[in-house]
Amino acid sequence: MNIFQKAYCRTYQFVCKMAIPLLPYRQPERLEGYDAIADVMQKRNLRCALVVTDKTLRELGICDGLLAALEKNNLGYAVYDGTVANPTTDNVAEAAELYRQSGCDCLVAIGGGSAMDCAKAVGAQLVRPNKTLAQMKGLLKVRRSLPALFAIPTTAGTGSETTVAAVITDGKTRHKYAINDFCLIPRYVLFDSALMVGLPPSVTAATGMDALTHAIEAYVGRSTTKRSRRNALCAAKIILDNIQTVFADGGNIQSRGNMLRASYLAGLAFTESYVGYVHAIAHALGGKYNVPHGLANAVLLPYVLKAYGKTAYKKLWKMGLYAGLFDKTVFPQEGAQAVIAQIERLNRQMNIPQKLDCIAAQDIPQLAKTAAAEANPLYPVPKLLGAKQLEKIIFEVCAVDN
């Protein structure tokens, strides 16, 4: 990246940072229990919900409590359970059509980030029927209030219940992109730790490291605020204190609840302060190879932090100090390296691979260009990297000697 490109990126990011206090950030209203969703619907004169989920969760009965509460209160519903990991434009089109055919007037997303992203995109498509999702890619392209959106997370990772983003994959080209607008933040959220008890350890690990990535990328970037720094630090400490417990004992309700809170705080942090190259590369890999987002983030995180080098030392040191990984006698470079080593240690202990075997050498230049186009100039990373530098990171992540 040449000096002029860097100057443009930093100027763009500075303007965005100055605008943060003026932007309409908000938090969803927290509800307690499924009957509270029915109460809100009745108070708002809403009669029929489109429940957006996936087949596995529906077959496991995760949606049963919600559906029973709606039936008990004489409220209608339709269920779209076709959502896939890395939800596609086809998913959104199918769900939106079901919404219209069933006479729905609100949305309930129950699941991980994929279900919530799908539901958000459905809402955007409903209020902008004359625009394609691709035309709403980027910042503030929706600009209309969505139907009431309730979010019920079943993983502690994405923080999508707090965020302005819906990440969608084009069903034909496999290009993955984000739609970002304040109207996409869910109006209501319901946390239920019991929904996560049956998660496989691998999902617990990947989603937990996803939340840690959100906290770290939000914190080490250059557009932080006092609030986002506080949320990121708190989220990181909670995750580091609890993730191994929930990985080993999925039935630990207290630690599950702690991880839900951490995911929520990390979501608040990165909504305000953005993410970085970990996410940009992960989105490229998810679009091309359908790599689960949390897994991609977990694998990529230590590689990208090492690439940031000394530009991230001080902040990683502060985060490690806050999390209790070391004391003040440790120098910033040593502390930053200890944080990265702890991430690598957690990945090993939770059976997250060090590399990914799906990446083909011939795809890497295009993957790097896709990631660079997403990140630059939007993401206020500690160190700007161009496509050639991102290529090197992706080569390092390859499981096969390319």
Foldseek 3Di string as FASTA:
>chain_A
DDPVLVVVLVVVQVVLLVCLVVDPADFAAEDEFLLRVVVVCVVVVFAEEEEFAADVCVVVVVCVRNVVSCVVSNGHYHYQHHFDQQGALVSLVVSLVVCVVVVGQAYEFEEALRSLLSRLVNQLCVQVVVDRVVCQFDEDSRVDAGRQYEYEYLALAQLQLRAQWRWHAYPPPLQITIRGDNNSNHNYYYYDLVSNLPPQLLRLLLRLQNLLQLLLQLQLFDSFDPQLVVLSLQLNLLSLVQSVVCSVHVNPSVSSVSSNSSSNSSNVNCNSRNGALLQLLLSLCCSPPVDRSSLSSLLLVLLVLVVLPPLRQQRQLVSCCSSPVDHPVDDSNRSNVSSSVVSVVSCVVSVRDNADAPDDLVCLLVSLQSSLVRVPSHHRHSDDDHSVVSSVSNCVRHPDND
